[in-house]
Amino acid sequence: LTPQRVALSSSREVVHGQRLCVLTHSYHHHRRRRHITTPPFPSLPFPAQPLVTMASKRRVCYYYDNEIGNYYYGQGHPMKPHRIRMTHKLLVSYDMFDKMEVFRPKKMSHVEMTRFHSDDYLNFLRLVNPDNMNDFASQLVRFNVGDDCPVFDGIYEFCQLSAGGSVGGAVRLNLGESDIAVNWGGGLHHAKKSEASGFCYVNDIVLAILELLKVHNRVLYIDIDIHHGDGVEEAFYTTDRVMCVSFHKFGDFFPGTGDLRVRCALSRAHAPTRSRYFYLR
């Protein structure tokens, strides 16, 4: 399967033969994650080239805003945007800027985010803050904002920056100005149309894929986070234009979806039609 473009929030390149696949994972997650290593490459039928040479030919755009690391979910919360700043400093230290085009993400507008999210949900995120949150008691419950997804100062602006980087990268892919787009502040794959979930409020990945679909007939989304990419899968569940491939732990584990046995049951129920879901043991 060689899609024209692969939506991504943060990327890892795996070269096999002459095909390049961009794997995505969300930056933000809190649970212990497995270290994924790539096995040795098999013998290739063409003259071998250094991987760095092959990768350097691809145009990479990188989105970062200095303010992203200042947002604070609260004391003891495992989601720490400051780590995005730490990652950025590593890129600076390794002189990687010379190999990328660096952009400051444009904050997505309210109207632009309603391409996926509901208007009342976004209005709530825009208005609520730690000082007035008691006035929004019923909406906190309705939109699942609380312990895992707390109210913090600048929550709406944080969402605007996160989504702006991913959608900005998708625009450059559509225009043919970049081959790879990187946004460490993105990957918030649990957010639903009208509900926060798993530290995620606005689903930048869904918004980026919708942008890619303006130009490309189909998009392959690959999620290698340890948690099931439920928000993205749910958003595109009824269309054949987006294929969601999620490699995750399932069972008694957040978010409680993406169980292998459930998908197999769906496949059997719809036989002999081909299932759009593929799970590997």
Protein backbone atom coordinates (compact mmCIF):
# COMPACT_ATOMS: atom_id res chain seq x y z
CA LEU A 1 0.00 0.00 0.00
CA THR A 2 1.59 3.25 -1.12
CA PRO A 3 -0.68 6.22 -0.33
CA GLN A 4 -0.02 9.55 -1.97
CA ARG A 5 0.32 11.24 1.39
CA VAL A 6 0.26 10.14 4.96
CA ALA A 7 -1.12 12.48 7.59
CA LEU A 8 1.22 12.92 10.48
CA SER A 9 1.69 14.77 13.68
CA SER A 10 5.14 13.53 14.45
CA SER A 11 7.08 11.25 12.19
CA ARG A 12 9.48 8.37 11.90
CA GLU A 13 10.75 7.20 8.53
CA VAL A 14 11.10 3.52 7.76
CA VAL A 15 12.70 2.70 4.43
CA HIS A 16 12.12 -0.68 2.84
CA GLY A 17 13.18 -1.00 -0.75
CA GLN A 18 12.22 2.24 -2.44
CA ARG A 19 9.04 2.78 -0.47
CA LEU A 20 8.80 5.28 2.33
CA CYS A 21 6.16 5.00 5.01
CA VAL A 22 5.70 7.68 7.65
CA LEU A 23 4.60 6.31 11.00
CA THR A 24 2.82 8.66 13.37
CA HIS A 25 2.55 8.66 17.09
CA SER A 26 1.07 11.15 19.49
CA TYR A 27 3.56 13.03 21.61
CA HIS A 28 1.44 13.58 24.63
CA HIS A 29 0.83 10.22 26.20
CA HIS A 30 1.43 9.48 29.79
CA ARG A 31 1.54 5.74 30.23
CA ARG A 32 4.72 3.72 29.95
CA ARG A 33 5.51 3.24 26.27
CA ARG A 34 7.38 0.49 24.53
CA HIS A 35 10.58 1.24 22.66
CA ILE A 36 10.05 0.27 19.03
CA THR A 37 13.12 -0.68 17.07
CA THR A 38 13.41 -1.39 13.39
CA PRO A 39 14.87 -4.80 12.49
CA PRO A 40 17.90 -5.00 10.17
CA PHE A 41 17.03 -4.31 6.56
CA PRO A 42 17.03 -7.33 4.27
CA SER A 43 19.17 -7.54 1.15
CA LEU A 44 17.80 -5.11 -1.39
CA PRO A 45 17.63 -5.70 -5.14
CA PHE A 46 19.18 -2.32 -5.93
CA PRO A 47 22.48 -0.66 -4.94
CA ALA A 48 22.37 0.21 -1.26
CA GLN A 49 22.46 3.89 -0.33
CA PRO A 50 23.03 5.48 3.08
CA LEU A 51 19.67 6.14 4.73
CA VAL A 52 20.65 9.67 5.66
CA THR A 53 21.29 10.44 2.00
CA MET A 54 17.91 9.10 0.97
CA ALA A 55 16.13 11.02 3.71
CA SER A 56 17.99 14.27 3.06
CA LYS A 57 16.45 14.52 -0.39
CA ARG A 58 13.02 14.92 1.12
CA ARG A 59 11.79 18.41 2.03
CA VAL A 60 10.85 18.62 5.70
CA CYS A 61 8.81 21.38 7.32
CA TYR A 62 8.74 21.75 11.09
CA TYR A 63 6.16 23.69 13.13
CA TYR A 64 6.97 25.10 16.55
CA ASP A 65 5.81 27.99 18.73
CA ASN A 66 7.87 29.19 21.69
CA GLU A 67 4.74 29.51 23.82
CA ILE A 68 3.70 25.86 23.52
CA GLY A 69 5.89 24.77 26.42
CA ASN A 70 4.37 27.32 28.79
CA TYR A 71 0.98 25.66 29.02
CA TYR A 72 0.49 23.72 32.24
CA TYR A 73 -2.11 21.02 32.86
CA GLY A 74 -1.62 21.24 36.61
CA GLN A 75 0.46 19.84 39.44
CA GLY A 76 0.97 16.10 39.22
CA HIS A 77 -0.63 15.79 35.78
CA PRO A 78 1.39 13.49 33.47
CA MET A 79 0.72 15.59 30.38
CA LYS A 80 3.56 18.13 30.25
CA PRO A 81 3.79 20.42 27.19
CA HIS A 82 7.19 21.49 28.48
CA ARG A 83 8.54 18.28 26.94
CA ILE A 84 7.75 19.73 23.51
CA ARG A 85 10.19 22.54 24.32
CA MET A 86 12.77 20.01 25.46
CA THR A 87 12.43 18.15 22.17
CA HIS A 88 12.81 21.42 20.29
CA LYS A 89 16.05 22.19 22.14
CA LEU A 90 17.41 18.79 21.13
CA LEU A 91 16.77 19.65 17.48
CA VAL A 92 18.61 22.92 17.95
CA SER A 93 21.53 21.20 19.69
CA TYR A 94 21.89 18.67 16.88
CA ASP A 95 21.86 21.42 14.21
CA MET A 96 18.86 19.88 12.48
CA PHE A 97 17.38 23.26 11.55
CA ASP A 98 19.61 23.45 8.50
CA LYS A 99 17.83 20.39 7.13
CA MET A 100 14.28 21.69 7.70
CA GLU A 101 12.08 24.66 6.96
CA VAL A 102 10.90 26.00 10.32
CA PHE A 103 7.52 27.70 10.73
CA ARG A 104 5.52 29.15 13.59
CA PRO A 105 2.03 27.63 13.47
CA LYS A 106 -0.88 29.93 12.77
CA LYS A 107 -3.59 29.66 15.41
CA MET A 108 -6.61 27.95 13.91
CA SER A 109 -9.75 30.02 14.02
CA HIS A 110 -13.00 28.96 15.64
CA VAL A 111 -14.63 28.50 12.23
CA GLU A 112 -11.74 26.38 10.95
CA MET A 113 -11.94 24.03 13.95
CA THR A 114 -15.68 23.56 13.41
CA ARG A 115 -14.80 21.54 10.32
CA PHE A 116 -14.80 18.68 12.83
CA HIS A 117 -15.72 19.93 16.31
CA SER A 118 -19.12 21.20 17.35
CA ASP A 119 -19.65 24.92 17.83
CA ASP A 120 -20.95 24.67 21.40
CA TYR A 121 -17.98 22.53 22.47
CA LEU A 122 -15.48 25.01 21.06
CA ASN A 123 -17.35 27.91 22.67
CA PHE A 124 -17.05 26.14 26.01
CA LEU A 125 -13.27 25.66 25.57
CA ARG A 126 -12.93 29.33 24.62
CA LEU A 127 -14.83 30.65 27.65
CA VAL A 128 -13.90 28.32 30.49
CA ASN A 129 -10.92 28.95 32.75
CA PRO A 130 -9.82 27.91 36.27
CA ASP A 131 -11.49 30.97 37.82
CA ASN A 132 -14.96 30.50 36.33
CA MET A 133 -15.12 26.73 35.85
CA ASN A 134 -17.69 26.33 38.65
CA ASP A 135 -20.11 28.31 36.49
CA PHE A 136 -19.82 25.59 33.82
CA ALA A 137 -20.56 22.59 36.06
CA SER A 138 -23.05 20.94 33.71
CA GLN A 139 -20.89 21.52 30.64
CA LEU A 140 -17.83 20.07 32.36
CA VAL A 141 -19.73 16.80 32.65
CA ARG A 142 -21.24 17.03 29.18
CA PHE A 143 -17.90 17.61 27.47
CA ASN A 144 -15.94 15.19 29.69
CA VAL A 145 -13.62 17.88 31.05
CA GLY A 146 -12.30 17.07 34.52
CA ASP A 147 -9.51 14.94 35.95
CA ASP A 148 -7.81 13.56 32.83
CA CYS A 149 -8.68 16.62 30.78
CA PRO A 150 -8.51 19.49 33.27
CA VAL A 151 -9.33 23.14 32.76
CA PHE A 152 -6.11 25.17 32.66
CA ASP A 153 -5.10 28.70 31.70
CA GLY A 154 -4.91 29.11 27.93
CA ILE A 155 -6.59 25.81 27.10
CA TYR A 156 -8.23 27.22 23.96
CA GLU A 157 -5.04 28.86 22.68
CA PHE A 158 -3.14 25.62 23.29
CA CYS A 159 -5.66 23.81 21.08
CA GLN A 160 -5.38 26.48 18.40
CA LEU A 161 -1.59 26.13 18.24
CA SER A 162 -1.65 22.34 18.28
CA ALA A 163 -4.17 22.14 15.44
CA GLY A 164 -2.56 25.01 13.54
CA GLY A 165 0.76 23.18 13.27
CA SER A 166 -0.73 19.96 11.94
CA VAL A 167 -3.09 21.64 9.49
CA GLY A 168 -0.32 23.99 8.36
CA GLY A 169 1.81 20.95 7.57
CA ALA A 170 -1.07 19.36 5.65
CA VAL A 171 -1.45 22.52 3.56
CA ARG A 172 2.22 22.40 2.56
CA LEU A 173 1.87 18.73 1.63
CA ASN A 174 -1.15 19.58 -0.51
CA LEU A 175 0.73 22.37 -2.27
CA GLY A 176 3.71 20.10 -2.93
CA GLU A 177 5.99 22.42 -0.96
CA SER A 178 7.04 19.74 1.56
CA ASP A 179 7.30 15.96 1.61
CA ILE A 180 7.26 15.56 5.41
CA ALA A 181 5.59 17.72 8.05
CA VAL A 182 6.47 17.59 11.76
CA ASN A 183 4.46 19.03 14.65
CA TRP A 184 5.52 17.80 18.09
CA GLY A 185 2.60 19.69 19.62
CA GLY A 186 0.08 17.57 17.77
CA GLY A 187 -1.05 13.97 17.82
CA LEU A 188 -4.04 14.49 20.13
CA HIS A 189 -5.86 11.47 18.76
CA HIS A 190 -8.46 10.84 21.49
CA ALA A 191 -10.49 14.05 21.14
CA LYS A 192 -14.04 13.56 19.83
CA LYS A 193 -16.38 15.89 17.98
CA SER A 194 -17.95 17.21 21.20
CA GLU A 195 -15.88 15.65 23.93
CA ALA A 196 -12.41 15.77 25.45
CA SER A 197 -10.63 12.51 26.19
CA GLY A 198 -7.20 11.23 27.22
CA PHE A 199 -5.60 14.69 27.66
CA CYS A 200 -6.91 15.68 24.19
CA TYR A 201 -9.35 18.51 23.54
CA VAL A 202 -9.11 19.32 19.82
CA ASN A 203 -8.22 16.54 17.38
CA ASP A 204 -5.51 18.09 15.22
CA ILE A 205 -5.07 14.82 13.32
CA VAL A 206 -8.67 14.72 12.09
CA LEU A 207 -8.43 18.37 11.04
CA ALA A 208 -5.16 17.69 9.17
CA ILE A 209 -6.64 14.67 7.38
CA LEU A 210 -9.68 16.71 6.34
CA GLU A 211 -7.25 19.23 4.85
CA LEU A 212 -5.40 16.48 2.94
CA LEU A 213 -8.70 15.16 1.57
CA LYS A 214 -9.22 18.45 -0.24
CA VAL A 215 -6.52 17.34 -2.69
CA HIS A 216 -5.98 13.60 -2.24
CA ASN A 217 -8.57 10.90 -2.83
CA ARG A 218 -7.41 8.74 0.07
CA VAL A 219 -5.28 9.07 3.19
CA LEU A 220 -3.58 6.35 5.22
CA TYR A 221 -3.29 7.19 8.92
CA ILE A 222 -0.84 5.07 10.95
CA ASP A 223 -0.89 5.37 14.75
CA ILE A 224 1.85 3.65 16.78
CA ASP A 225 0.99 5.12 20.16
CA ILE A 226 0.41 2.46 22.83
CA HIS A 227 -3.20 3.66 23.13
CA HIS A 228 -5.84 3.03 20.48
CA GLY A 229 -6.38 6.04 18.19
CA ASP A 230 -10.10 5.98 18.87
CA GLY A 231 -10.90 9.60 18.08
CA VAL A 232 -9.47 9.47 14.58
CA GLU A 233 -11.02 6.09 13.81
CA GLU A 234 -14.43 7.24 15.03
CA ALA A 235 -14.28 10.40 12.92
CA PHE A 236 -13.72 8.46 9.67
CA TYR A 237 -15.52 5.24 10.54
CA THR A 238 -18.12 5.53 7.75
CA THR A 239 -15.86 6.58 4.87
CA ASP A 240 -13.54 4.55 2.66
CA ARG A 241 -11.36 7.58 1.92
CA VAL A 242 -9.40 7.25 5.16
CA MET A 243 -7.78 4.04 6.35
CA CYS A 244 -6.85 4.02 10.05
CA VAL A 245 -4.15 1.57 11.11
CA SER A 246 -3.58 1.56 14.87
CA PHE A 247 -0.92 -0.49 16.66
CA HIS A 248 -1.86 -0.43 20.32
CA LYS A 249 -2.43 -2.34 23.52
CA PHE A 250 -6.06 -3.34 23.98
CA GLY A 251 -8.25 -4.98 26.58
CA ASP A 252 -8.35 -3.56 30.10
CA PHE A 253 -6.43 -0.49 28.98
CA PHE A 254 -7.34 3.08 28.08
CA PRO A 255 -9.43 3.99 26.09
CA GLY A 256 -11.00 0.51 26.18
CA THR A 257 -11.61 0.31 22.42
CA GLY A 258 -9.78 -1.31 19.53
CA ASP A 259 -10.06 -4.87 20.83
CA LEU A 260 -8.93 -7.46 18.29
CA ARG A 261 -11.85 -9.77 18.99
CA VAL A 262 -14.40 -7.02 18.41
CA ARG A 263 -12.94 -6.22 15.01
CA CYS A 264 -12.82 -9.87 14.02
CA ALA A 265 -16.49 -10.16 14.95
CA LEU A 266 -17.27 -7.17 12.72
CA SER A 267 -15.34 -8.74 9.86
CA ARG A 268 -17.29 -11.99 10.16
CA ALA A 269 -20.58 -10.14 10.44
CA HIS A 270 -19.93 -8.31 7.19
CA ALA A 271 -18.39 -11.24 5.27
CA PRO A 272 -17.71 -11.66 2.42
CA THR A 273 -17.01 -7.91 2.09
CA ARG A 274 -13.43 -6.87 2.79
CA SER A 275 -12.88 -5.33 6.19
CA ARG A 276 -11.11 -1.98 6.38
CA TYR A 277 -9.46 -3.02 9.65
CA PHE A 278 -6.27 -5.05 9.84
CA TYR A 279 -4.77 -6.20 13.13
CA LEU A 280 -1.41 -7.88 13.55
CA ARG A 281 -0.37 -10.11 16.43
